[in-house]
């Protein structure tokens, strides 16, 4: 009977690898490669380093090809540079990398000319190229009426910015006794969207109220309370500071009804003493003094467009 063959590795399976294996030039041993985690690009790949510094062209949705070139327009990279996106060379690189869209079309040719009124996105963020558009952050003082021209002759916003040639809109309102941030613009589409409840743009207020503040007040406001014109609830509430007999609280909500913050806090037994709006969407009041205004940066304008889904 023929003896059974022993199981084992194929011939040569026990041989040691040559001495040079596993070594790089110079005799240094190479480290075994570690498996990459799912979704994490390897070093040297085209993955993004972080959201603020994309290194790869975004994956745009496919659209039917449309010629966005206008022979009578201005070179795209020149308009982008003038809008503050970066130097002319940086803007050319953005275009070549497929990171710029014009009217929904990816543009990669440097010779494309467009009009400033066309819609342009860089890395998915809209860039306003039209130099006639104005975007201001205004700190409305107490006692000023939210109107560009008050019929009763009271002090209004127009008394502070009325010398500008553009016809400006105020985004939302603040009552005369409330100080704080108002966005002023001549961009009617953006102003409309920022005020529309569908887009839920958040507004942040700092209110001084009588203290002490009960522990469950934030929960009650987040769950919602009923006013005479319907229910209301805050998106966020916190106590910022407290002192004997009073407290400073932060209220965040997307509601736009008249006197909504004052009525809501009065309903829960903490009527407002002073009220300041410090933020609208991504725009902060910052250190802008009452009665003063500043131009929004191109990044802030882009963030407003994103908030309004434009």
C-alpha atoms as a PDB file:
ATOM      1  CA  UNK A   1       0.000   0.000   0.000  1.00  0.00           C
ATOM      2  CA  UNK A   2       1.279   3.371  -0.910  1.00  0.00           C
ATOM      3  CA  UNK A   3       1.912   5.453   2.250  1.00  0.00           C
ATOM      4  CA  UNK A   4      -0.323   8.551   2.676  1.00  0.00           C
ATOM      5  CA  UNK A   5       1.314  11.841   1.875  1.00  0.00           C
ATOM      6  CA  UNK A   6       1.888  14.148   4.791  1.00  0.00           C
ATOM      7  CA  UNK A   7      -0.091  17.352   4.712  1.00  0.00           C
ATOM      8  CA  UNK A   8       1.896  20.566   4.916  1.00  0.00           C
ATOM      9  CA  UNK A   9       2.951  23.631   3.048  1.00  0.00           C
ATOM     10  CA  UNK A  10       3.799  23.398  -0.634  1.00  0.00           C
ATOM     11  CA  UNK A  11       7.398  22.911  -1.556  1.00  0.00           C
ATOM     12  CA  UNK A  12       9.406  25.911  -0.697  1.00  0.00           C
ATOM     13  CA  UNK A  13       6.732  27.110   1.736  1.00  0.00           C
ATOM     14  CA  UNK A  14       9.131  27.008   4.694  1.00  0.00           C
ATOM     15  CA  UNK A  15      11.852  28.864   2.980  1.00  0.00           C
ATOM     16  CA  UNK A  16      12.894  32.110   4.610  1.00  0.00           C
ATOM     17  CA  UNK A  17      12.576  35.231   2.519  1.00  0.00           C
ATOM     18  CA  UNK A  18      15.808  36.630   1.195  1.00  0.00           C
ATOM     19  CA  UNK A  19      17.712  38.848   3.553  1.00  0.00           C
ATOM     20  CA  UNK A  20      16.925  41.894   1.459  1.00  0.00           C
ATOM     21  CA  UNK A  21      13.132  41.432   1.812  1.00  0.00           C
ATOM     22  CA  UNK A  22      11.364  43.960   4.018  1.00  0.00           C
ATOM     23  CA  UNK A  23      14.199  46.434   3.713  1.00  0.00           C
ATOM     24  CA  UNK A  24      14.257  49.694   1.851  1.00  0.00           C
ATOM     25  CA  UNK A  25      17.294  51.233   0.252  1.00  0.00           C
ATOM     26  CA  UNK A  26      20.039  51.810   2.799  1.00  0.00           C
ATOM     27  CA  UNK A  27      19.211  48.635   4.712  1.00  0.00           C
ATOM     28  CA  UNK A  28      16.446  50.169   6.843  1.00  0.00           C
ATOM     29  CA  UNK A  29      13.509  47.848   7.476  1.00  0.00           C
ATOM     30  CA  UNK A  30      10.182  48.914   6.009  1.00  0.00           C
ATOM     31  CA  UNK A  31       7.178  49.181   8.325  1.00  0.00           C
ATOM     32  CA  UNK A  32       4.221  47.044   7.473  1.00  0.00           C
ATOM     33  CA  UNK A  33       1.374  49.137   6.084  1.00  0.00           C
ATOM     34  CA  UNK A  34      -1.551  49.615   8.445  1.00  0.00           C
ATOM     35  CA  UNK A  35      -5.032  49.041   7.066  1.00  0.00           C
ATOM     36  CA  UNK A  36      -6.846  52.322   6.463  1.00  0.00           C
ATOM     37  CA  UNK A  37     -10.090  53.075   8.238  1.00  0.00           C
ATOM     38  CA  UNK A  38     -13.148  53.233   6.005  1.00  0.00           C
ATOM     39  CA  UNK A  39     -13.703  56.697   4.599  1.00  0.00           C
ATOM     40  CA  UNK A  40     -10.252  57.963   5.613  1.00  0.00           C
ATOM     41  CA  UNK A  41      -8.109  58.862   2.602  1.00  0.00           C
ATOM     42  CA  UNK A  42      -4.534  57.634   2.523  1.00  0.00           C
ATOM     43  CA  UNK A  43      -1.716  60.101   2.579  1.00  0.00           C
ATOM     44  CA  UNK A  44      -1.185  61.409  -0.910  1.00  0.00           C
ATOM     45  CA  UNK A  45      -4.724  60.589  -2.030  1.00  0.00           C
ATOM     46  CA  UNK A  46      -7.264  63.120  -3.262  1.00  0.00           C
ATOM     47  CA  UNK A  47      -9.246  63.226   0.001  1.00  0.00           C
ATOM     48  CA  UNK A  48      -9.979  66.463   1.821  1.00  0.00           C
ATOM     49  CA  UNK A  49      -7.737  67.446   4.709  1.00  0.00           C
ATOM     50  CA  UNK A  50     -10.539  69.306   6.464  1.00  0.00           C
ATOM     51  CA  UNK A  51     -13.742  71.046   5.403  1.00  0.00           C
ATOM     52  CA  UNK A  52     -12.200  74.499   5.374  1.00  0.00           C
ATOM     53  CA  UNK A  53      -9.315  73.428   3.100  1.00  0.00           C
ATOM     54  CA  UNK A  54     -10.659  71.161   0.377  1.00  0.00           C
ATOM     55  CA  UNK A  55      -8.002  69.565  -1.834  1.00  0.00           C
ATOM     56  CA  UNK A  56     -10.330  67.678  -4.160  1.00  0.00           C
ATOM     57  CA  UNK A  57     -13.000  68.898  -6.529  1.00  0.00           C
ATOM     58  CA  UNK A  58     -16.472  68.493  -5.033  1.00  0.00           C
ATOM     59  CA  UNK A  59     -18.804  65.914  -6.560  1.00  0.00           C
ATOM     60  CA  UNK A  60     -21.307  68.159  -8.300  1.00  0.00           C
ATOM     61  CA  UNK A  61     -24.679  66.761  -9.368  1.00  0.00           C
ATOM     62  CA  UNK A  62     -24.826  66.090 -13.103  1.00  0.00           C
ATOM     63  CA  UNK A  63     -26.767  68.630 -15.145  1.00  0.00           C
ATOM     64  CA  UNK A  64     -27.441  69.010 -18.879  1.00  0.00           C
ATOM     65  CA  UNK A  65     -24.560  70.887 -20.475  1.00  0.00           C
ATOM     66  CA  UNK A  66     -25.249  74.611 -20.889  1.00  0.00           C
ATOM     67  CA  UNK A  67     -22.872  77.156 -22.397  1.00  0.00           C
ATOM     68  CA  UNK A  68     -22.365  79.806 -19.706  1.00  0.00           C
ATOM     69  CA  UNK A  69     -19.743  81.732 -21.685  1.00  0.00           C
ATOM     70  CA  UNK A  70     -20.646  85.323 -22.548  1.00  0.00           C
ATOM     71  CA  UNK A  71     -18.225  86.896 -25.084  1.00  0.00           C
ATOM     72  CA  UNK A  72     -19.102  90.357 -23.769  1.00  0.00           C
ATOM     73  CA  UNK A  73     -18.514  89.362 -20.149  1.00  0.00           C
ATOM     74  CA  UNK A  74     -15.472  89.492 -17.868  1.00  0.00           C
ATOM     75  CA  UNK A  75     -13.021  86.639 -17.293  1.00  0.00           C
ATOM     76  CA  UNK A  76     -14.277  84.434 -14.472  1.00  0.00           C
ATOM     77  CA  UNK A  77     -11.003  84.475 -12.533  1.00  0.00           C
ATOM     78  CA  UNK A  78     -10.941  88.289 -12.589  1.00  0.00           C
ATOM     79  CA  UNK A  79     -14.457  88.512 -11.131  1.00  0.00           C
ATOM     80  CA  UNK A  80     -13.636  85.939  -8.446  1.00  0.00           C
ATOM     81  CA  UNK A  81     -10.514  87.830  -7.432  1.00  0.00           C
ATOM     82  CA  UNK A  82     -12.431  91.126  -7.293  1.00  0.00           C
ATOM     83  CA  UNK A  83     -15.015  89.437  -5.032  1.00  0.00           C
ATOM     84  CA  UNK A  84     -12.279  88.569  -2.530  1.00  0.00           C
ATOM     85  CA  UNK A  85     -12.078  84.825  -3.191  1.00  0.00           C
ATOM     86  CA  UNK A  86      -8.297  85.004  -3.580  1.00  0.00           C
ATOM     87  CA  UNK A  87      -5.556  86.221  -5.874  1.00  0.00           C
ATOM     88  CA  UNK A  88      -5.986  85.844  -9.648  1.00  0.00           C
ATOM     89  CA  UNK A  89      -3.637  82.838  -9.605  1.00  0.00           C
ATOM     90  CA  UNK A  90      -5.564  81.170  -6.762  1.00  0.00           C
ATOM     91  CA  UNK A  91      -8.838  81.691  -8.623  1.00  0.00           C
ATOM     92  CA  UNK A  92      -7.351  80.167 -11.788  1.00  0.00           C
ATOM     93  CA  UNK A  93      -6.333  77.100  -9.791  1.00  0.00           C
ATOM     94  CA  UNK A  94      -9.856  76.797  -8.353  1.00  0.00           C
ATOM     95  CA  UNK A  95     -11.302  76.856 -11.862  1.00  0.00           C
ATOM     96  CA  UNK A  96      -8.803  74.325 -13.226  1.00  0.00           C
ATOM     97  CA  UNK A  97      -9.564  71.967 -10.330  1.00  0.00           C
ATOM     98  CA  UNK A  98     -13.289  71.977 -11.148  1.00  0.00           C
ATOM     99  CA  UNK A  99     -14.280  73.722  -7.922  1.00  0.00           C
ATOM    100  CA  UNK A 100     -16.233  76.563  -9.562  1.00  0.00           C
ATOM    101  CA  UNK A 101     -19.804  76.424 -10.847  1.00  0.00           C
ATOM    102  CA  UNK A 102     -21.511  79.036 -13.003  1.00  0.00           C
ATOM    103  CA  UNK A 103     -25.291  78.791 -13.279  1.00  0.00           C
ATOM    104  CA  UNK A 104     -25.062  75.173 -12.101  1.00  0.00           C
ATOM    105  CA  UNK A 105     -22.334  74.212 -14.613  1.00  0.00           C
ATOM    106  CA  UNK A 106     -18.794  73.222 -13.623  1.00  0.00           C
ATOM    107  CA  UNK A 107     -16.304  75.488 -15.394  1.00  0.00           C
ATOM    108  CA  UNK A 108     -12.699  74.328 -15.861  1.00  0.00           C
ATOM    109  CA  UNK A 109     -11.559  76.552 -18.753  1.00  0.00           C
ATOM    110  CA  UNK A 110      -9.685  79.718 -17.858  1.00  0.00           C
ATOM    111  CA  UNK A 111     -10.932  81.619 -20.896  1.00  0.00           C
ATOM    112  CA  UNK A 112     -14.587  81.616 -19.869  1.00  0.00           C
ATOM    113  CA  UNK A 113     -16.187  85.050 -19.601  1.00  0.00           C
ATOM    114  CA  UNK A 114     -19.376  85.683 -17.630  1.00  0.00           C
ATOM    115  CA  UNK A 115     -21.583  88.511 -16.416  1.00  0.00           C
ATOM    116  CA  UNK A 116     -21.455  89.555 -12.765  1.00  0.00           C
ATOM    117  CA  UNK A 117     -25.180  88.839 -12.469  1.00  0.00           C
ATOM    118  CA  UNK A 118     -24.728  85.115 -13.140  1.00  0.00           C
ATOM    119  CA  UNK A 119     -24.843  82.678 -10.194  1.00  0.00           C
ATOM    120  CA  UNK A 120     -21.408  81.438  -9.118  1.00  0.00           C
ATOM    121  CA  UNK A 121     -20.485  78.909  -6.425  1.00  0.00           C
ATOM    122  CA  UNK A 122     -16.994  78.004  -5.211  1.00  0.00           C
ATOM    123  CA  UNK A 123     -16.795  74.706  -3.307  1.00  0.00           C
ATOM    124  CA  UNK A 124     -20.574  74.840  -3.000  1.00  0.00           C
ATOM    125  CA  UNK A 125     -20.652  78.320  -1.425  1.00  0.00           C
ATOM    126  CA  UNK A 126     -22.206  81.132  -3.418  1.00  0.00           C
ATOM    127  CA  UNK A 127     -20.000  84.095  -4.306  1.00  0.00           C
ATOM    128  CA  UNK A 128     -21.644  87.448  -4.959  1.00  0.00           C
ATOM    129  CA  UNK A 129     -19.905  89.032  -7.951  1.00  0.00           C
ATOM    130  CA  UNK A 130     -22.300  91.926  -8.472  1.00  0.00           C
ATOM    131  CA  UNK A 131     -20.567  94.982  -7.015  1.00  0.00           C
ATOM    132  CA  UNK A 132     -23.864  96.868  -6.929  1.00  0.00           C
ATOM    133  CA  UNK A 133     -25.104  94.578  -4.150  1.00  0.00           C
ATOM    134  CA  UNK A 134     -24.710  95.888  -0.599  1.00  0.00           C
ATOM    135  CA  UNK A 135     -24.708  93.869   2.638  1.00  0.00           C
ATOM    136  CA  UNK A 136     -24.402  95.711   5.960  1.00  0.00           C
ATOM    137  CA  UNK A 137     -24.511  94.697   9.625  1.00  0.00           C
ATOM    138  CA  UNK A 138     -26.133  97.578  11.526  1.00  0.00           C
ATOM    139  CA  UNK A 139     -26.389  97.906  15.302  1.00  0.00           C
ATOM    140  CA  UNK A 140     -29.769  99.551  15.866  1.00  0.00           C
ATOM    141  CA  UNK A 141     -29.732 101.729  18.991  1.00  0.00           C
ATOM    142  CA  UNK A 142     -32.548 101.837  21.534  1.00  0.00           C
ATOM    143  CA  UNK A 143     -35.208 104.366  20.567  1.00  0.00           C
ATOM    144  CA  UNK A 144     -34.702 103.951  16.812  1.00  0.00           C
ATOM    145  CA  UNK A 145     -37.660 102.755  14.727  1.00  0.00           C
ATOM    146  CA  UNK A 146     -37.095  99.878  12.302  1.00  0.00           C
ATOM    147  CA  UNK A 147     -38.032 101.786   9.167  1.00  0.00           C
ATOM    148  CA  UNK A 148     -36.076 103.427   6.377  1.00  0.00           C
ATOM    149  CA  UNK A 149     -38.426 106.444   6.493  1.00  0.00           C
ATOM    150  CA  UNK A 150     -40.828 106.910   9.394  1.00  0.00           C
ATOM    151  CA  UNK A 151     -44.110 108.659   8.581  1.00  0.00           C
ATOM    152  CA  UNK A 152     -44.365 110.083  12.114  1.00  0.00           C
ATOM    153  CA  UNK A 153     -40.959 111.717  11.966  1.00  0.00           C
ATOM    154  CA  UNK A 154     -39.357 109.481  14.586  1.00  0.00           C
ATOM    155  CA  UNK A 155     -35.657 108.591  14.439  1.00  0.00           C
ATOM    156  CA  UNK A 156     -35.313 105.634  12.064  1.00  0.00           C
ATOM    157  CA  UNK A 157     -32.661 103.556  10.291  1.00  0.00           C
ATOM    158  CA  UNK A 158     -32.684 105.944   7.343  1.00  0.00           C
ATOM    159  CA  UNK A 159     -31.235 108.640   9.609  1.00  0.00           C
ATOM    160  CA  UNK A 160     -28.079 106.516   9.877  1.00  0.00           C
ATOM    161  CA  UNK A 161     -27.715 105.120   6.332  1.00  0.00           C
ATOM    162  CA  UNK A 162     -29.956 107.459   4.317  1.00  0.00           C
ATOM    163  CA  UNK A 163     -27.012 109.111   2.578  1.00  0.00           C
ATOM    164  CA  UNK A 164     -26.262 105.933   0.590  1.00  0.00           C
ATOM    165  CA  UNK A 165     -27.326 105.843  -3.058  1.00  0.00           C
ATOM    166  CA  UNK A 166     -28.680 102.276  -2.830  1.00  0.00           C
ATOM    167  CA  UNK A 167     -32.241 101.541  -1.724  1.00  0.00           C
ATOM    168  CA  UNK A 168     -31.731  99.240   1.265  1.00  0.00           C
ATOM    169  CA  UNK A 169     -34.086  96.734   2.898  1.00  0.00           C
ATOM    170  CA  UNK A 170     -33.919  95.745   6.563  1.00  0.00           C
ATOM    171  CA  UNK A 171     -34.062  91.995   7.196  1.00  0.00           C
ATOM    172  CA  UNK A 172     -36.653  91.535   9.935  1.00  0.00           C
ATOM    173  CA  UNK A 173     -37.551  94.057  12.600  1.00  0.00           C
ATOM    174  CA  UNK A 174     -36.611  95.124  16.118  1.00  0.00           C
ATOM    175  CA  UNK A 175     -38.946  97.148  18.312  1.00  0.00           C
ATOM    176  CA  UNK A 176     -37.857 100.619  19.387  1.00  0.00           C
ATOM    177  CA  UNK A 177     -36.860  99.414  22.875  1.00  0.00           C
ATOM    178  CA  UNK A 178     -34.610  96.638  21.535  1.00  0.00           C
ATOM    179  CA  UNK A 179     -31.015  97.173  20.504  1.00  0.00           C
ATOM    180  CA  UNK A 180     -28.984  95.003  18.180  1.00  0.00           C
ATOM    181  CA  UNK A 181     -28.216  93.460  14.839  1.00  0.00           C
ATOM    182  CA  UNK A 182     -30.136  94.262  11.691  1.00  0.00           C
ATOM    183  CA  UNK A 183     -28.923  93.146   8.274  1.00  0.00           C
ATOM    184  CA  UNK A 184     -29.408  95.819   5.607  1.00  0.00           C
ATOM    185  CA  UNK A 185     -29.189  94.946   1.912  1.00  0.00           C
ATOM    186  CA  UNK A 186     -30.475  95.796  -1.542  1.00  0.00           C
ATOM    187  CA  UNK A 187     -30.616  92.077  -2.389  1.00  0.00           C
ATOM    188  CA  UNK A 188     -34.377  91.543  -2.273  1.00  0.00           C
ATOM    189  CA  UNK A 189     -34.303  87.777  -2.902  1.00  0.00           C
ATOM    190  CA  UNK A 190     -31.897  87.165  -0.033  1.00  0.00           C
ATOM    191  CA  UNK A 191     -33.801  89.485   2.329  1.00  0.00           C
ATOM    192  CA  UNK A 192     -37.060  87.666   1.583  1.00  0.00           C
ATOM    193  CA  UNK A 193     -35.608  84.230   2.202  1.00  0.00           C
ATOM    194  CA  UNK A 194     -33.865  85.197   5.418  1.00  0.00           C
ATOM    195  CA  UNK A 195     -37.240  86.292   6.830  1.00  0.00           C
ATOM    196  CA  UNK A 196     -39.281  83.368   5.521  1.00  0.00           C
ATOM    197  CA  UNK A 197     -40.104  80.785   8.239  1.00  0.00           C
ATOM    198  CA  UNK A 198     -39.500  77.958   5.760  1.00  0.00           C
ATOM    199  CA  UNK A 199     -35.728  78.462   6.002  1.00  0.00           C
ATOM    200  CA  UNK A 200     -35.665  78.669   9.805  1.00  0.00           C
ATOM    201  CA  UNK A 201     -32.835  81.197  10.083  1.00  0.00           C
ATOM    202  CA  UNK A 202     -31.980  81.454  13.778  1.00  0.00           C
ATOM    203  CA  UNK A 203     -31.824  84.712  15.742  1.00  0.00           C
ATOM    204  CA  UNK A 204     -29.929  84.988  19.012  1.00  0.00           C
ATOM    205  CA  UNK A 205     -30.877  87.442  21.775  1.00  0.00           C
ATOM    206  CA  UNK A 206     -29.404  88.413  25.125  1.00  0.00           C
ATOM    207  CA  UNK A 207     -32.119  89.398  27.579  1.00  0.00           C
ATOM    208  CA  UNK A 208     -31.810  90.728  31.101  1.00  0.00           C
ATOM    209  CA  UNK A 209     -34.702  89.430  33.194  1.00  0.00           C
ATOM    210  CA  UNK A 210     -35.671  89.362  36.878  1.00  0.00           C
ATOM    211  CA  UNK A 211     -34.024  86.522  38.773  1.00  0.00           C
ATOM    212  CA  UNK A 212     -33.566  83.993  40.065  1.00  0.00           C
ATOM    213  CA  UNK A 213     -34.186  81.753  37.032  1.00  0.00           C
ATOM    214  CA  UNK A 214     -35.827  78.411  37.941  1.00  0.00           C
ATOM    215  CA  UNK A 215     -34.014  75.273  36.826  1.00  0.00           C
ATOM    216  CA  UNK A 216     -36.845  74.100  34.603  1.00  0.00           C
ATOM    217  CA  UNK A 217     -37.347  77.370  32.703  1.00  0.00           C
ATOM    218  CA  UNK A 218     -35.196  76.302  29.753  1.00  0.00           C
ATOM    219  CA  UNK A 219     -37.048  72.991  29.475  1.00  0.00           C
ATOM    220  CA  UNK A 220     -40.431  74.745  29.521  1.00  0.00           C
ATOM    221  CA  UNK A 221     -39.400  77.149  26.776  1.00  0.00           C
ATOM    222  CA  UNK A 222     -37.919  74.391  24.623  1.00  0.00           C
ATOM    223  CA  UNK A 223     -41.056  72.278  24.982  1.00  0.00           C
ATOM    224  CA  UNK A 224     -43.180  75.283  24.048  1.00  0.00           C
ATOM    225  CA  UNK A 225     -45.681  77.619  25.643  1.00  0.00           C
ATOM    226  CA  UNK A 226     -48.976  78.994  24.333  1.00  0.00           C
ATOM    227  CA  UNK A 227     -49.442  82.703  23.601  1.00  0.00           C
ATOM    228  CA  UNK A 228     -52.630  84.443  22.521  1.00  0.00           C
ATOM    229  CA  UNK A 229     -51.651  84.028  18.846  1.00  0.00           C
ATOM    230  CA  UNK A 230     -50.487  80.413  19.096  1.00  0.00           C
ATOM    231  CA  UNK A 231     -47.758  78.202  20.532  1.00  0.00           C
ATOM    232  CA  UNK A 232     -44.079  79.120  20.490  1.00  0.00           C
ATOM    233  CA  UNK A 233     -40.907  77.327  21.500  1.00  0.00           C
ATOM    234  CA  UNK A 234     -37.258  78.327  21.598  1.00  0.00           C
ATOM    235  CA  UNK A 235     -34.495  76.473  19.792  1.00  0.00           C
ATOM    236  CA  UNK A 236     -32.077  77.086  22.657  1.00  0.00           C
ATOM    237  CA  UNK A 237     -32.037  78.739  26.080  1.00  0.00           C
ATOM    238  CA  UNK A 238     -29.289  79.195  28.663  1.00  0.00           C
ATOM    239  CA  UNK A 239     -28.379  81.389  31.607  1.00  0.00           C
ATOM    240  CA  UNK A 240     -25.290  83.448  30.746  1.00  0.00           C
ATOM    241  CA  UNK A 241     -24.867  85.288  34.054  1.00  0.00           C
ATOM    242  CA  UNK A 242     -26.786  85.950  37.229  1.00  0.00           C
ATOM    243  CA  UNK A 243     -26.732  88.455  40.070  1.00  0.00           C
ATOM    244  CA  UNK A 244     -29.019  89.122  43.017  1.00  0.00           C
ATOM    245  CA  UNK A 245     -32.467  89.865  41.622  1.00  0.00           C
ATOM    246  CA  UNK A 246     -31.623  89.590  37.915  1.00  0.00           C
ATOM    247  CA  UNK A 247     -30.112  87.307  35.285  1.00  0.00           C
ATOM    248  CA  UNK A 248     -28.732  87.516  31.750  1.00  0.00           C
ATOM    249  CA  UNK A 249     -30.107  84.781  29.485  1.00  0.00           C
ATOM    250  CA  UNK A 250     -29.505  83.782  25.877  1.00  0.00           C
ATOM    251  CA  UNK A 251     -32.565  82.975  23.768  1.00  0.00           C
ATOM    252  CA  UNK A 252     -32.243  81.417  20.290  1.00  0.00           C
ATOM    253  CA  UNK A 253     -35.281  80.962  18.066  1.00  0.00           C
ATOM    254  CA  UNK A 254     -36.352  81.090  14.434  1.00  0.00           C
ATOM    255  CA  UNK A 255     -39.696  82.744  15.143  1.00  0.00           C
ATOM    256  CA  UNK A 256     -40.348  86.174  13.661  1.00  0.00           C
ATOM    257  CA  UNK A 257     -43.601  87.238  15.300  1.00  0.00           C
ATOM    258  CA  UNK A 258     -43.877  90.738  16.745  1.00  0.00           C
ATOM    259  CA  UNK A 259     -42.312  91.164  20.210  1.00  0.00           C
ATOM    260  CA  UNK A 260     -42.002  87.373  20.412  1.00  0.00           C
ATOM    261  CA  UNK A 261     -39.091  87.272  22.893  1.00  0.00           C
ATOM    262  CA  UNK A 262     -40.658  89.833  25.217  1.00  0.00           C
ATOM    263  CA  UNK A 263     -44.088  88.167  25.146  1.00  0.00           C
ATOM    264  CA  UNK A 264     -42.644  84.709  25.675  1.00  0.00           C
ATOM    265  CA  UNK A 265     -40.526  85.639  28.693  1.00  0.00           C
ATOM    266  CA  UNK A 266     -43.354  87.694  30.200  1.00  0.00           C
ATOM    267  CA  UNK A 267     -45.655  84.677  29.858  1.00  0.00           C
ATOM    268  CA  UNK A 268     -43.323  82.562  32.032  1.00  0.00           C
ATOM    269  CA  UNK A 269     -43.037  85.276  34.697  1.00  0.00           C
ATOM    270  CA  UNK A 270     -39.727  86.888  33.701  1.00  0.00           C
ATOM    271  CA  UNK A 271     -40.499  90.097  31.767  1.00  0.00           C
ATOM    272  CA  UNK A 272     -37.606  91.563  29.793  1.00  0.00           C
ATOM    273  CA  UNK A 273     -35.652  94.446  31.335  1.00  0.00           C
ATOM    274  CA  UNK A 274     -33.243  94.934  28.394  1.00  0.00           C
ATOM    275  CA  UNK A 275     -32.984  93.074  25.093  1.00  0.00           C
ATOM    276  CA  UNK A 276     -30.230  92.911  22.465  1.00  0.00           C
ATOM    277  CA  UNK A 277     -30.124  90.818  19.300  1.00  0.00           C
ATOM    278  CA  UNK A 278     -26.551  89.636  18.845  1.00  0.00           C
ATOM    279  CA  UNK A 279     -26.761  87.241  15.905  1.00  0.00           C
ATOM    280  CA  UNK A 280     -28.806  86.555  12.756  1.00  0.00           C
ATOM    281  CA  UNK A 281     -28.004  83.232  11.116  1.00  0.00           C
ATOM    282  CA  UNK A 282     -24.204  83.125  10.711  1.00  0.00           C
ATOM    283  CA  UNK A 283     -23.742  86.899  11.203  1.00  0.00           C
ATOM    284  CA  UNK A 284     -22.576  88.180  14.599  1.00  0.00           C
ATOM    285  CA  UNK A 285     -23.008  91.697  15.937  1.00  0.00           C
ATOM    286  CA  UNK A 286     -19.475  91.581  17.303  1.00  0.00           C
ATOM    287  CA  UNK A 287     -18.051  94.872  18.534  1.00  0.00           C
ATOM    288  CA  UNK A 288     -20.106  97.104  16.216  1.00  0.00           C
ATOM    289  CA  UNK A 289     -21.229 100.072  18.307  1.00  0.00           C
ATOM    290  CA  UNK A 290     -24.881 101.242  18.482  1.00  0.00           C
ATOM    291  CA  UNK A 291     -25.672 103.457  15.502  1.00  0.00           C
ATOM    292  CA  UNK A 292     -22.728 102.102  13.490  1.00  0.00           C
ATOM    293  CA  UNK A 293     -22.600  99.636  10.600  1.00  0.00           C
ATOM    294  CA  UNK A 294     -20.011  97.566   8.781  1.00  0.00           C
ATOM    295  CA  UNK A 295     -19.824  95.850   5.400  1.00  0.00           C
ATOM    296  CA  UNK A 296     -20.163  92.094   5.531  1.00  0.00           C
ATOM    297  CA  UNK A 297     -17.188  90.129   4.234  1.00  0.00           C
ATOM    298  CA  UNK A 298     -17.500  87.923   1.143  1.00  0.00           C
ATOM    299  CA  UNK A 299     -17.361  84.868   3.432  1.00  0.00           C
ATOM    300  CA  UNK A 300     -20.231  86.232   5.548  1.00  0.00           C
ATOM    301  CA  UNK A 301     -22.307  86.929   2.447  1.00  0.00           C
ATOM    302  CA  UNK A 302     -21.652  83.379   1.239  1.00  0.00           C
ATOM    303  CA  UNK A 303     -22.731  82.020   4.623  1.00  0.00           C
ATOM    304  CA  UNK A 304     -25.960  84.030   4.420  1.00  0.00           C
ATOM    305  CA  UNK A 305     -26.674  82.594   0.973  1.00  0.00           C
ATOM    306  CA  UNK A 306     -26.098  79.105   2.354  1.00  0.00           C
ATOM    307  CA  UNK A 307     -28.487  79.790   5.254  1.00  0.00           C
ATOM    308  CA  UNK A 308     -31.104  80.944   2.750  1.00  0.00           C
ATOM    309  CA  UNK A 309     -30.391  77.948   0.478  1.00  0.00           C
ATOM    310  CA  UNK A 310     -29.471  80.148  -2.464  1.00  0.00           C
END
